[in-house]
Amino acid sequence: MSCESSMVLGYWDIRGVSAVSTVEPLGQRDGRGDAPDYDRSQWLDVKFKLDLDFPNLPYLLDGKNKITQSNAILRYIARKHNMCGETEEEKIRVDIVENQVMDFRIQLIKLCYSSDHEKLKPQYLEQLPGQLKQFSMFLGKFSWFAGEKLTYVDFLTYDILDQNRIFEPKCLDEFPNLKAFMCRFEVMFPAPFSYKKHRLPWTPQDP
């Protein structure tokens, strides 16, 4: 999904939704330095100077258009490239998957940031196959989650499946169509996913 060079994306130097959704670098990242001495000043110094309606990260600047919220940014870029679904059926599938992914993401975030992480982890792993089965059944024999046409929710779905694959490397083994989807996506967009050749700060170590 190529994006106009005039766009500027502001985000932390961490993995987030934008790490997958913006296949090409659009502009600056509001870095916060290395742990444990994070420095947020690079963002806070400009936070209220960008004329954003809801100052937050990530933000996207594209001419007169200034957008915050990850999914709003995704939809904006997707509309430019006709990647929101064309038929009513495709649009319904897109809407469903976007919100299902959000629910799935919140569950993983709550677990990962919980002080009871180790205590809650077994319960999360116990219900994970059921969650993945729903995505597998929804995808069915389609190439992409809206059907046979790539849409922006494929970026969202790839991201959350990949995060769970990092969390539990074998979690997709029972779902050949999800594994095929992941491979298909990485072939189409190889640059951000060449883990073994180019280590990124958030990539997992090889076993």
N, C-alpha and C. Protein backbone atom coordinates (compact mmCIF):
# COMPACT_ATOMS: atom_id res chain seq x y z
N MET A 1 0.86 -1.17 0.00
CA MET A 1 0.00 0.00 0.00
C MET A 1 0.90 1.22 0.00
N SER A 2 1.19 1.79 -1.17
CA SER A 2 2.08 2.93 -1.27
C SER A 2 1.37 4.19 -0.82
N CYS A 3 2.11 5.08 -0.13
CA CYS A 3 1.52 6.29 0.40
C CYS A 3 2.27 7.50 -0.10
N GLU A 4 1.57 8.59 -0.32
CA GLU A 4 2.17 9.79 -0.84
C GLU A 4 3.27 10.29 0.09
N SER A 5 4.38 10.77 -0.53
CA SER A 5 5.54 11.18 0.26
C SER A 5 5.27 12.42 1.10
N SER A 6 4.18 13.16 0.80
CA SER A 6 3.88 14.36 1.56
C SER A 6 3.30 14.04 2.93
N MET A 7 2.89 12.80 3.14
CA MET A 7 2.33 12.42 4.42
C MET A 7 3.42 12.34 5.48
N VAL A 8 3.02 12.69 6.71
CA VAL A 8 3.93 12.57 7.85
C VAL A 8 3.21 11.80 8.95
N LEU A 9 3.83 10.73 9.40
CA LEU A 9 3.28 9.94 10.50
C LEU A 9 4.12 10.18 11.74
N GLY A 10 3.46 10.53 12.84
CA GLY A 10 4.14 10.67 14.11
C GLY A 10 3.78 9.51 15.01
N TYR A 11 4.80 8.84 15.55
CA TYR A 11 4.52 7.69 16.41
C TYR A 11 5.74 7.40 17.27
N TRP A 12 5.51 6.62 18.34
CA TRP A 12 6.63 6.19 19.18
C TRP A 12 7.52 5.22 18.42
N ASP A 13 8.76 5.06 18.88
CA ASP A 13 9.67 4.06 18.32
C ASP A 13 9.39 2.69 18.92
N ILE A 14 8.15 2.26 18.80
CA ILE A 14 7.75 0.94 19.28
C ILE A 14 6.84 0.32 18.25
N ARG A 15 6.58 -0.96 18.43
CA ARG A 15 5.63 -1.60 17.54
C ARG A 15 4.23 -1.22 17.94
N GLY A 16 3.43 -0.86 16.95
CA GLY A 16 2.03 -0.57 17.16
C GLY A 16 1.29 -0.91 15.89
N VAL A 17 0.02 -0.57 15.82
CA VAL A 17 -0.75 -0.83 14.62
C VAL A 17 -0.08 -0.21 13.41
N SER A 18 0.51 0.97 13.58
CA SER A 18 1.12 1.66 12.45
C SER A 18 2.33 0.93 11.91
N ALA A 19 2.95 0.05 12.70
CA ALA A 19 4.13 -0.66 12.24
C ALA A 19 3.81 -1.54 11.04
N VAL A 20 2.62 -2.07 10.99
CA VAL A 20 2.21 -2.91 9.87
C VAL A 20 1.41 -2.13 8.86
N SER A 21 0.62 -1.19 9.31
CA SER A 21 -0.29 -0.49 8.40
C SER A 21 0.46 0.46 7.48
N THR A 22 1.56 1.04 7.94
CA THR A 22 2.33 1.94 7.10
C THR A 22 3.52 1.18 6.56
N VAL A 23 3.32 0.53 5.42
CA VAL A 23 4.33 -0.33 4.84
C VAL A 23 5.57 0.46 4.47
N GLU A 24 5.40 1.72 4.08
CA GLU A 24 6.53 2.58 3.80
C GLU A 24 6.63 3.64 4.88
N PRO A 25 7.87 4.07 5.24
CA PRO A 25 7.98 5.14 6.23
C PRO A 25 7.41 6.43 5.67
N LEU A 26 6.55 7.09 6.43
CA LEU A 26 5.90 8.29 5.94
C LEU A 26 6.60 9.56 6.41
N GLY A 27 7.35 9.49 7.47
CA GLY A 27 7.96 10.71 7.96
C GLY A 27 8.62 10.47 9.30
N GLN A 28 8.30 11.29 10.27
CA GLN A 28 9.01 11.24 11.54
C GLN A 28 8.40 10.27 12.51
N ARG A 29 9.24 9.85 13.47
CA ARG A 29 8.75 9.11 14.63
C ARG A 29 9.14 9.91 15.86
N ASP A 30 8.19 10.06 16.75
CA ASP A 30 8.44 10.82 17.96
C ASP A 30 9.06 9.89 19.00
N GLY A 31 10.37 9.64 18.84
CA GLY A 31 11.07 8.68 19.68
C GLY A 31 11.07 9.08 21.14
N ARG A 32 11.19 8.08 21.97
CA ARG A 32 11.20 8.37 23.40
C ARG A 32 12.44 7.79 24.07
N GLY A 33 13.43 7.37 23.29
CA GLY A 33 14.67 6.89 23.87
C GLY A 33 14.57 5.45 24.35
N ASP A 34 15.63 5.02 25.00
CA ASP A 34 15.73 3.64 25.43
C ASP A 34 15.24 3.45 26.85
N ALA A 35 14.76 2.24 27.13
CA ALA A 35 14.35 1.90 28.49
C ALA A 35 15.60 1.82 29.37
N PRO A 36 15.49 2.08 30.67
CA PRO A 36 14.23 2.44 31.36
C PRO A 36 14.00 3.94 31.43
N ASP A 37 14.92 4.73 30.87
CA ASP A 37 14.84 6.19 31.00
C ASP A 37 14.17 6.80 29.78
N TYR A 38 12.88 6.47 29.60
CA TYR A 38 12.15 7.00 28.46
C TYR A 38 12.04 8.51 28.53
N ASP A 39 12.20 9.14 27.37
CA ASP A 39 12.08 10.59 27.29
C ASP A 39 10.94 10.93 26.35
N ARG A 40 9.85 11.44 26.91
CA ARG A 40 8.65 11.75 26.12
C ARG A 40 8.64 13.18 25.62
N SER A 41 9.70 13.94 25.91
CA SER A 41 9.68 15.37 25.61
C SER A 41 9.57 15.66 24.12
N GLN A 42 10.13 14.78 23.27
CA GLN A 42 10.08 15.03 21.84
C GLN A 42 8.64 15.10 21.34
N TRP A 43 7.75 14.32 21.94
CA TRP A 43 6.33 14.37 21.61
C TRP A 43 5.63 15.47 22.38
N LEU A 44 5.87 15.57 23.68
CA LEU A 44 5.15 16.53 24.51
C LEU A 44 5.44 17.97 24.10
N ASP A 45 6.64 18.20 23.55
CA ASP A 45 7.00 19.56 23.13
C ASP A 45 6.16 20.05 21.96
N VAL A 46 5.61 19.11 21.17
CA VAL A 46 4.83 19.51 19.98
C VAL A 46 3.37 19.09 20.08
N LYS A 47 3.01 18.37 21.11
CA LYS A 47 1.69 17.74 21.21
C LYS A 47 0.55 18.73 20.96
N PHE A 48 0.63 19.92 21.53
CA PHE A 48 -0.46 20.89 21.40
C PHE A 48 -0.14 22.00 20.39
N LYS A 49 0.84 21.76 19.53
CA LYS A 49 1.23 22.75 18.53
C LYS A 49 0.92 22.29 17.10
N LEU A 50 0.32 21.13 16.96
CA LEU A 50 0.07 20.56 15.63
C LEU A 50 -1.36 20.78 15.15
N ASP A 51 -2.16 21.46 15.95
CA ASP A 51 -3.55 21.75 15.59
C ASP A 51 -4.34 20.46 15.35
N LEU A 52 -4.11 19.47 16.22
CA LEU A 52 -4.87 18.22 16.15
C LEU A 52 -6.13 18.34 17.01
N ASP A 53 -7.24 17.84 16.51
CA ASP A 53 -8.49 17.90 17.27
C ASP A 53 -8.38 17.13 18.58
N PHE A 54 -7.77 15.96 18.51
CA PHE A 54 -7.55 15.13 19.70
C PHE A 54 -6.07 14.77 19.73
N PRO A 55 -5.22 15.63 20.30
CA PRO A 55 -3.77 15.40 20.28
C PRO A 55 -3.41 14.04 20.85
N ASN A 56 -2.80 13.22 20.03
CA ASN A 56 -2.47 11.86 20.45
C ASN A 56 -1.52 11.26 19.43
N LEU A 57 -0.92 10.15 19.80
CA LEU A 57 -0.12 9.36 18.88
C LEU A 57 -0.83 8.03 18.63
N PRO A 58 -0.83 7.56 17.38
CA PRO A 58 -0.19 8.16 16.22
C PRO A 58 -1.01 9.32 15.65
N TYR A 59 -0.33 10.17 14.87
CA TYR A 59 -1.03 11.20 14.10
C TYR A 59 -0.54 11.13 12.67
N LEU A 60 -1.39 11.55 11.74
CA LEU A 60 -1.04 11.58 10.33
C LEU A 60 -1.33 12.98 9.80
N LEU A 61 -0.33 13.58 9.18
CA LEU A 61 -0.49 14.89 8.55
C LEU A 61 -0.40 14.70 7.05
N ASP A 62 -1.44 15.12 6.35
CA ASP A 62 -1.48 15.00 4.89
C ASP A 62 -2.10 16.27 4.34
N GLY A 63 -1.25 17.24 4.08
CA GLY A 63 -1.76 18.54 3.64
C GLY A 63 -2.61 19.16 4.72
N LYS A 64 -3.84 19.54 4.39
CA LYS A 64 -4.74 20.16 5.36
C LYS A 64 -5.39 19.13 6.27
N ASN A 65 -5.26 17.87 5.95
CA ASN A 65 -5.89 16.81 6.74
C ASN A 65 -4.97 16.38 7.88
N LYS A 66 -5.50 16.45 9.11
CA LYS A 66 -4.74 16.07 10.30
C LYS A 66 -5.58 15.06 11.08
N ILE A 67 -5.03 13.86 11.23
CA ILE A 67 -5.83 12.74 11.73
C ILE A 67 -5.12 12.06 12.89
N THR A 68 -5.87 11.74 13.94
CA THR A 68 -5.38 10.89 15.01
C THR A 68 -6.30 9.67 15.11
N GLN A 69 -5.86 8.71 15.92
CA GLN A 69 -6.52 7.40 16.12
C GLN A 69 -6.11 6.43 15.01
N SER A 70 -5.58 5.29 15.43
CA SER A 70 -5.00 4.32 14.50
C SER A 70 -5.96 3.89 13.40
N ASN A 71 -7.18 3.51 13.79
CA ASN A 71 -8.12 3.02 12.78
C ASN A 71 -8.59 4.12 11.84
N ALA A 72 -8.71 5.35 12.36
CA ALA A 72 -9.08 6.46 11.48
C ALA A 72 -8.00 6.70 10.44
N ILE A 73 -6.74 6.60 10.86
CA ILE A 73 -5.62 6.74 9.92
C ILE A 73 -5.65 5.63 8.89
N LEU A 74 -5.88 4.41 9.36
CA LEU A 74 -5.96 3.28 8.44
C LEU A 74 -7.06 3.47 7.41
N ARG A 75 -8.24 3.86 7.86
CA ARG A 75 -9.35 4.03 6.93
C ARG A 75 -9.06 5.15 5.94
N TYR A 76 -8.45 6.23 6.40
CA TYR A 76 -8.13 7.35 5.53
C TYR A 76 -7.21 6.91 4.38
N ILE A 77 -6.14 6.20 4.74
CA ILE A 77 -5.20 5.72 3.73
C ILE A 77 -5.90 4.69 2.83
N ALA A 78 -6.71 3.82 3.43
CA ALA A 78 -7.40 2.79 2.65
C ALA A 78 -8.36 3.40 1.64
N ARG A 79 -9.08 4.46 2.03
CA ARG A 79 -10.00 5.10 1.08
C ARG A 79 -9.26 5.65 -0.13
N LYS A 80 -8.06 6.12 0.08
CA LYS A 80 -7.26 6.65 -1.03
C LYS A 80 -6.91 5.57 -2.04
N HIS A 81 -6.89 4.32 -1.56
CA HIS A 81 -6.45 3.22 -2.42
C HIS A 81 -7.55 2.19 -2.64
N ASN A 82 -8.79 2.57 -2.37
CA ASN A 82 -9.94 1.70 -2.61
C ASN A 82 -9.77 0.35 -1.90
N MET A 83 -9.44 0.42 -0.61
CA MET A 83 -9.18 -0.78 0.17
C MET A 83 -10.13 -0.89 1.37
N CYS A 84 -11.35 -0.41 1.20
CA CYS A 84 -12.36 -0.49 2.28
C CYS A 84 -13.47 -1.47 1.95
N GLY A 85 -13.34 -2.20 0.86
CA GLY A 85 -14.40 -3.08 0.40
C GLY A 85 -15.25 -2.38 -0.64
N GLU A 86 -15.69 -3.12 -1.64
CA GLU A 86 -16.46 -2.53 -2.73
C GLU A 86 -17.93 -2.91 -2.64
N THR A 87 -18.23 -4.17 -2.49
CA THR A 87 -19.63 -4.60 -2.39
C THR A 87 -20.11 -4.43 -0.96
N GLU A 88 -21.43 -4.48 -0.77
CA GLU A 88 -21.98 -4.37 0.58
C GLU A 88 -21.51 -5.53 1.45
N GLU A 89 -21.42 -6.72 0.87
CA GLU A 89 -20.94 -7.89 1.63
C GLU A 89 -19.51 -7.67 2.11
N GLU A 90 -18.66 -7.15 1.22
CA GLU A 90 -17.27 -6.89 1.62
C GLU A 90 -17.20 -5.84 2.72
N LYS A 91 -18.00 -4.80 2.60
CA LYS A 91 -17.97 -3.74 3.61
C LYS A 91 -18.45 -4.25 4.97
N ILE A 92 -19.44 -5.13 4.96
CA ILE A 92 -19.93 -5.72 6.21
C ILE A 92 -18.82 -6.57 6.85
N ARG A 93 -18.15 -7.37 6.03
CA ARG A 93 -17.06 -8.21 6.54
C ARG A 93 -15.94 -7.34 7.11
N VAL A 94 -15.62 -6.25 6.43
CA VAL A 94 -14.59 -5.33 6.91
C VAL A 94 -14.97 -4.77 8.28
N ASP A 95 -16.22 -4.31 8.41
CA ASP A 95 -16.68 -3.73 9.68
C ASP A 95 -16.61 -4.76 10.81
N ILE A 96 -17.01 -5.98 10.52
CA ILE A 96 -17.00 -7.03 11.53
C ILE A 96 -15.58 -7.32 11.99
N VAL A 97 -14.69 -7.52 11.03
CA VAL A 97 -13.31 -7.90 11.36
C VAL A 97 -12.60 -6.78 12.12
N GLU A 98 -12.81 -5.54 11.71
CA GLU A 98 -12.15 -4.42 12.40
C GLU A 98 -12.49 -4.44 13.89
N ASN A 99 -13.75 -4.61 14.21
CA ASN A 99 -14.17 -4.57 15.61
C ASN A 99 -13.79 -5.84 16.36
N GLN A 100 -13.82 -6.98 15.68
CA GLN A 100 -13.40 -8.23 16.32
C GLN A 100 -11.92 -8.19 16.67
N VAL A 101 -11.11 -7.65 15.76
CA VAL A 101 -9.68 -7.51 16.02
C VAL A 101 -9.44 -6.58 17.22
N MET A 102 -10.23 -5.53 17.32
CA MET A 102 -10.06 -4.61 18.44
C MET A 102 -10.33 -5.32 19.76
N ASP A 103 -11.40 -6.11 19.83
CA ASP A 103 -11.69 -6.88 21.04
C ASP A 103 -10.55 -7.84 21.37
N PHE A 104 -10.04 -8.50 20.35
CA PHE A 104 -8.95 -9.47 20.51
C PHE A 104 -7.69 -8.77 21.02
N ARG A 105 -7.40 -7.61 20.45
CA ARG A 105 -6.21 -6.85 20.83
C ARG A 105 -6.29 -6.40 22.29
N ILE A 106 -7.46 -5.94 22.69
CA ILE A 106 -7.63 -5.46 24.07
C ILE A 106 -7.36 -6.58 25.07
N GLN A 107 -7.79 -7.79 24.74
CA GLN A 107 -7.55 -8.93 25.63
C GLN A 107 -6.05 -9.18 25.82
N LEU A 108 -5.31 -9.13 24.71
CA LEU A 108 -3.87 -9.38 24.79
C LEU A 108 -3.16 -8.24 25.52
N ILE A 109 -3.59 -7.01 25.26
CA ILE A 109 -2.98 -5.86 25.94
C ILE A 109 -3.18 -5.95 27.45
N LYS A 110 -4.41 -6.27 27.86
CA LYS A 110 -4.70 -6.38 29.29
C LYS A 110 -3.82 -7.43 29.94
N LEU A 111 -3.62 -8.55 29.25
CA LEU A 111 -2.78 -9.60 29.79
C LEU A 111 -1.32 -9.15 29.90
N CYS A 112 -0.81 -8.59 28.82
CA CYS A 112 0.61 -8.26 28.78
C CYS A 112 1.00 -7.16 29.76
N TYR A 113 0.07 -6.27 30.06
CA TYR A 113 0.38 -5.16 30.96
C TYR A 113 -0.12 -5.40 32.39
N SER A 114 -0.67 -6.57 32.63
CA SER A 114 -1.18 -6.86 33.96
C SER A 114 -0.04 -7.26 34.90
N SER A 115 -0.14 -6.83 36.15
CA SER A 115 0.84 -7.25 37.16
C SER A 115 0.68 -8.73 37.48
N ASP A 116 -0.48 -9.31 37.12
CA ASP A 116 -0.74 -10.73 37.32
C ASP A 116 -0.53 -11.52 36.03
N HIS A 117 0.38 -11.05 35.21
CA HIS A 117 0.59 -11.64 33.89
C HIS A 117 0.77 -13.16 33.94
N GLU A 118 1.69 -13.63 34.77
CA GLU A 118 1.99 -15.06 34.82
C GLU A 118 0.79 -15.86 35.32
N LYS A 119 0.02 -15.28 36.21
CA LYS A 119 -1.16 -15.95 36.74
C LYS A 119 -2.27 -16.05 35.69
N LEU A 120 -2.40 -15.01 34.87
CA LEU A 120 -3.47 -14.96 33.88
C LEU A 120 -3.12 -15.64 32.56
N LYS A 121 -1.84 -15.84 32.32
CA LYS A 121 -1.39 -16.38 31.04
C LYS A 121 -2.01 -17.74 30.71
N PRO A 122 -2.07 -18.70 31.64
CA PRO A 122 -2.68 -20.00 31.28
C PRO A 122 -4.12 -19.88 30.82
N GLN A 123 -4.88 -19.00 31.46
CA GLN A 123 -6.28 -18.82 31.07
C GLN A 123 -6.36 -18.24 29.67
N TYR A 124 -5.48 -17.30 29.34
CA TYR A 124 -5.48 -16.70 28.01
C TYR A 124 -5.15 -17.77 26.96
N LEU A 125 -4.12 -18.58 27.24
CA LEU A 125 -3.71 -19.60 26.29
C LEU A 125 -4.79 -20.68 26.13
N GLU A 126 -5.56 -20.92 27.16
CA GLU A 126 -6.63 -21.91 27.09
C GLU A 126 -7.74 -21.48 26.14
N GLN A 127 -8.05 -20.17 26.14
CA GLN A 127 -9.14 -19.69 25.28
C GLN A 127 -8.65 -19.25 23.89
N LEU A 128 -7.33 -19.16 23.72
CA LEU A 128 -6.79 -18.68 22.45
C LEU A 128 -7.20 -19.52 21.25
N PRO A 129 -7.14 -20.86 21.30
CA PRO A 129 -7.57 -21.64 20.13
C PRO A 129 -9.01 -21.35 19.70
N GLY A 130 -9.89 -21.11 20.65
CA GLY A 130 -11.27 -20.79 20.30
C GLY A 130 -11.37 -19.46 19.57
N GLN A 131 -10.60 -18.48 20.01
CA GLN A 131 -10.57 -17.18 19.34
C GLN A 131 -10.05 -17.33 17.91
N LEU A 132 -8.96 -18.08 17.77
CA LEU A 132 -8.36 -18.25 16.45
C LEU A 132 -9.27 -19.06 15.52
N LYS A 133 -10.01 -20.00 16.09
CA LYS A 133 -10.93 -20.79 15.28
C LYS A 133 -12.00 -19.90 14.65
N GLN A 134 -12.45 -18.90 15.38
CA GLN A 134 -13.45 -17.98 14.84
C GLN A 134 -12.90 -17.22 13.63
N PHE A 135 -11.65 -16.76 13.74
CA PHE A 135 -11.03 -16.07 12.61
C PHE A 135 -10.83 -17.03 11.45
N SER A 136 -10.44 -18.26 11.76
CA SER A 136 -10.22 -19.25 10.71
C SER A 136 -11.52 -19.56 9.97
N MET A 137 -12.60 -19.72 10.70
CA MET A 137 -13.90 -20.02 10.08
C MET A 137 -14.39 -18.84 9.26
N PHE A 138 -14.15 -17.63 9.76
CA PHE A 138 -14.60 -16.43 9.04
C PHE A 138 -13.83 -16.28 7.73
N LEU A 139 -12.53 -16.53 7.79
CA LEU A 139 -11.71 -16.44 6.57
C LEU A 139 -12.10 -17.53 5.59
N GLY A 140 -12.33 -18.74 6.10
CA GLY A 140 -12.74 -19.84 5.23
C GLY A 140 -11.75 -20.08 4.11
N LYS A 141 -12.26 -20.13 2.89
CA LYS A 141 -11.41 -20.37 1.72
C LYS A 141 -11.04 -19.08 0.99
N PHE A 142 -11.43 -17.94 1.57
CA PHE A 142 -11.06 -16.67 0.97
C PHE A 142 -9.56 -16.41 1.11
N SER A 143 -9.04 -15.59 0.23
CA SER A 143 -7.64 -15.19 0.34
C SER A 143 -7.46 -14.13 1.41
N TRP A 144 -8.47 -13.23 1.51
CA TRP A 144 -8.39 -12.10 2.44
C TRP A 144 -9.67 -12.04 3.25
N PHE A 145 -9.67 -11.24 4.29
CA PHE A 145 -10.79 -11.30 5.23
C PHE A 145 -12.07 -10.64 4.70
N ALA A 146 -11.97 -9.80 3.69
CA ALA A 146 -13.18 -9.27 3.07
C ALA A 146 -13.65 -10.14 1.91
N GLY A 147 -12.77 -11.03 1.47
CA GLY A 147 -13.09 -11.88 0.32
C GLY A 147 -11.83 -12.15 -0.47
N GLU A 148 -11.86 -11.81 -1.75
CA GLU A 148 -10.69 -12.02 -2.61
C GLU A 148 -9.93 -10.73 -2.87
N LYS A 149 -10.30 -9.65 -2.18
CA LYS A 149 -9.64 -8.37 -2.39
C LYS A 149 -9.04 -7.89 -1.07
N LEU A 150 -7.77 -7.52 -1.12
CA LEU A 150 -7.08 -7.01 0.07
C LEU A 150 -7.74 -5.72 0.56
N THR A 151 -7.99 -5.64 1.87
CA THR A 151 -8.52 -4.41 2.47
C THR A 151 -7.69 -4.07 3.71
N TYR A 152 -7.99 -2.92 4.30
CA TYR A 152 -7.17 -2.46 5.43
C TYR A 152 -7.29 -3.37 6.64
N VAL A 153 -8.39 -4.13 6.76
CA VAL A 153 -8.51 -5.00 7.93
C VAL A 153 -7.55 -6.18 7.88
N ASP A 154 -7.03 -6.49 6.70
CA ASP A 154 -6.01 -7.54 6.62
C ASP A 154 -4.74 -7.11 7.33
N PHE A 155 -4.44 -5.81 7.30
CA PHE A 155 -3.27 -5.30 8.03
C PHE A 155 -3.51 -5.44 9.53
N LEU A 156 -4.72 -5.09 9.98
CA LEU A 156 -5.06 -5.22 11.40
C LEU A 156 -5.01 -6.67 11.85
N THR A 157 -5.57 -7.55 11.02
CA THR A 157 -5.64 -8.96 11.41
C THR A 157 -4.26 -9.59 11.40
N TYR A 158 -3.47 -9.27 10.39
CA TYR A 158 -2.10 -9.78 10.38
C TYR A 158 -1.39 -9.38 11.67
N ASP A 159 -1.53 -8.15 12.08
CA ASP A 159 -0.81 -7.63 13.24
C ASP A 159 -1.18 -8.38 14.51
N ILE A 160 -2.48 -8.57 14.75
CA ILE A 160 -2.88 -9.23 16.00
C ILE A 160 -2.55 -10.71 15.97
N LEU A 161 -2.64 -11.35 14.81
CA LEU A 161 -2.25 -12.75 14.72
C LEU A 161 -0.75 -12.91 14.93
N ASP A 162 0.02 -11.98 14.39
CA ASP A 162 1.47 -12.03 14.57
C ASP A 162 1.85 -11.81 16.02
N GLN A 163 1.18 -10.89 16.71
CA GLN A 163 1.47 -10.67 18.12
C GLN A 163 1.18 -11.92 18.94
N ASN A 164 0.09 -12.61 18.62
CA ASN A 164 -0.21 -13.85 19.33
C ASN A 164 0.77 -14.95 18.95
N ARG A 165 1.25 -14.91 17.73
CA ARG A 165 2.26 -15.90 17.31
C ARG A 165 3.57 -15.68 18.04
N ILE A 166 3.90 -14.43 18.33
CA ILE A 166 5.07 -14.13 19.13
C ILE A 166 4.86 -14.61 20.57
N PHE A 167 3.65 -14.40 21.07
CA PHE A 167 3.30 -14.79 22.44
C PHE A 167 3.29 -16.31 22.60
N GLU A 168 2.72 -17.00 21.60
CA GLU A 168 2.68 -18.47 21.60
C GLU A 168 2.99 -18.95 20.18
N PRO A 169 4.27 -19.26 19.89
CA PRO A 169 4.71 -19.54 18.51
C PRO A 169 3.93 -20.61 17.77
N LYS A 170 3.32 -21.56 18.46
CA LYS A 170 2.63 -22.66 17.79
C LYS A 170 1.12 -22.44 17.69
N CYS A 171 0.66 -21.26 18.03
CA CYS A 171 -0.79 -21.07 18.15
C CYS A 171 -1.53 -21.19 16.82
N LEU A 172 -0.85 -20.97 15.70
CA LEU A 172 -1.52 -21.04 14.40
C LEU A 172 -1.40 -22.40 13.74
N ASP A 173 -0.70 -23.33 14.38
CA ASP A 173 -0.43 -24.61 13.74
C ASP A 173 -1.69 -25.38 13.37
N GLU A 174 -2.76 -25.20 14.14
CA GLU A 174 -4.01 -25.94 13.88
C GLU A 174 -4.88 -25.27 12.81
N PHE A 175 -4.43 -24.15 12.28
CA PHE A 175 -5.27 -23.38 11.37
C PHE A 175 -4.51 -23.07 10.08
N PRO A 176 -4.50 -24.04 9.14
CA PRO A 176 -3.72 -23.88 7.90
C PRO A 176 -4.10 -22.64 7.11
N ASN A 177 -5.39 -22.27 7.12
CA ASN A 177 -5.78 -21.10 6.32
C ASN A 177 -5.25 -19.80 6.92
N LEU A 178 -5.13 -19.75 8.26
CA LEU A 178 -4.55 -18.56 8.88
C LEU A 178 -3.05 -18.49 8.61
N LYS A 179 -2.38 -19.64 8.65
CA LYS A 179 -0.95 -19.66 8.34
C LYS A 179 -0.72 -19.25 6.89
N ALA A 180 -1.59 -19.70 5.99
CA ALA A 180 -1.47 -19.33 4.58
C ALA A 180 -1.72 -17.84 4.40
N PHE A 181 -2.69 -17.30 5.14
CA PHE A 181 -2.95 -15.87 5.11
C PHE A 181 -1.71 -15.08 5.54
N MET A 182 -1.06 -15.51 6.62
CA MET A 182 0.12 -14.82 7.11
C MET A 182 1.23 -14.85 6.06
N CYS A 183 1.46 -16.00 5.46
CA CYS A 183 2.49 -16.11 4.42
C CYS A 183 2.15 -15.25 3.22
N ARG A 184 0.88 -15.26 2.82
CA ARG A 184 0.43 -14.47 1.67
C ARG A 184 0.70 -12.99 1.92
N PHE A 185 0.41 -12.54 3.13
CA PHE A 185 0.60 -11.13 3.48
C PHE A 185 2.08 -10.78 3.46
N GLU A 186 2.93 -11.63 4.00
CA GLU A 186 4.36 -11.35 4.08
C GLU A 186 5.01 -11.37 2.71
N VAL A 187 4.49 -12.20 1.80
CA VAL A 187 5.00 -12.20 0.42
C VAL A 187 4.63 -10.90 -0.29
N MET A 188 3.40 -10.43 -0.04
CA MET A 188 2.95 -9.19 -0.68
C MET A 188 3.69 -7.98 -0.13
N PHE A 189 4.01 -7.99 1.17
CA PHE A 189 4.68 -6.87 1.81
C PHE A 189 5.93 -7.38 2.55
N PRO A 190 6.98 -7.73 1.81
CA PRO A 190 8.13 -8.39 2.44
C PRO A 190 8.99 -7.50 3.32
N ALA A 191 9.07 -6.20 3.00
CA ALA A 191 10.05 -5.34 3.68
C ALA A 191 9.93 -5.31 5.19
N PRO A 192 8.72 -5.11 5.77
CA PRO A 192 8.66 -5.01 7.23
C PRO A 192 8.81 -6.34 7.96
N PHE A 193 8.81 -7.47 7.21
CA PHE A 193 8.72 -8.76 7.88
C PHE A 193 9.95 -9.64 7.69
N SER A 194 11.04 -9.07 7.20
CA SER A 194 12.25 -9.87 6.99
C SER A 194 13.00 -9.96 8.31
N TYR A 195 12.39 -10.66 9.27
CA TYR A 195 12.92 -10.72 10.63
C TYR A 195 14.34 -11.28 10.69
N LYS A 196 14.59 -12.32 9.95
CA LYS A 196 15.86 -13.01 10.08
C LYS A 196 17.01 -12.22 9.47
N LYS A 197 16.69 -11.39 8.46
CA LYS A 197 17.74 -10.62 7.81
C LYS A 197 17.98 -9.29 8.51
N HIS A 198 16.91 -8.67 8.97
CA HIS A 198 17.02 -7.35 9.57
C HIS A 198 16.26 -7.33 10.87
N ARG A 199 16.96 -7.40 11.98
CA ARG A 199 16.30 -7.37 13.28
C ARG A 199 15.71 -6.00 13.55
N LEU A 200 14.48 -5.98 14.01
CA LEU A 200 13.85 -4.75 14.47
C LEU A 200 13.72 -4.84 15.98
N PRO A 201 13.56 -3.72 16.66
CA PRO A 201 13.52 -3.74 18.13
C PRO A 201 12.45 -4.65 18.70
N TRP A 202 11.34 -4.85 17.93
CA TRP A 202 10.24 -5.60 18.51
C TRP A 202 10.13 -7.01 17.96
N THR A 203 11.14 -7.46 17.17
CA THR A 203 11.02 -8.80 16.59
C THR A 203 11.46 -9.86 17.56
N PRO A 204 10.86 -11.05 17.47
CA PRO A 204 11.24 -12.12 18.38
C PRO A 204 12.57 -12.73 18.00
N GLN A 205 13.22 -13.34 18.95
CA GLN A 205 14.46 -14.06 18.67
C GLN A 205 14.11 -15.42 18.08
N ASP A 206 14.97 -15.90 17.21
CA ASP A 206 14.75 -17.23 16.64
C ASP A 206 14.91 -18.29 17.72
N PRO A 207 14.16 -19.37 17.63
CA PRO A 207 14.33 -20.46 18.60
C PRO A 207 15.69 -21.12 18.46
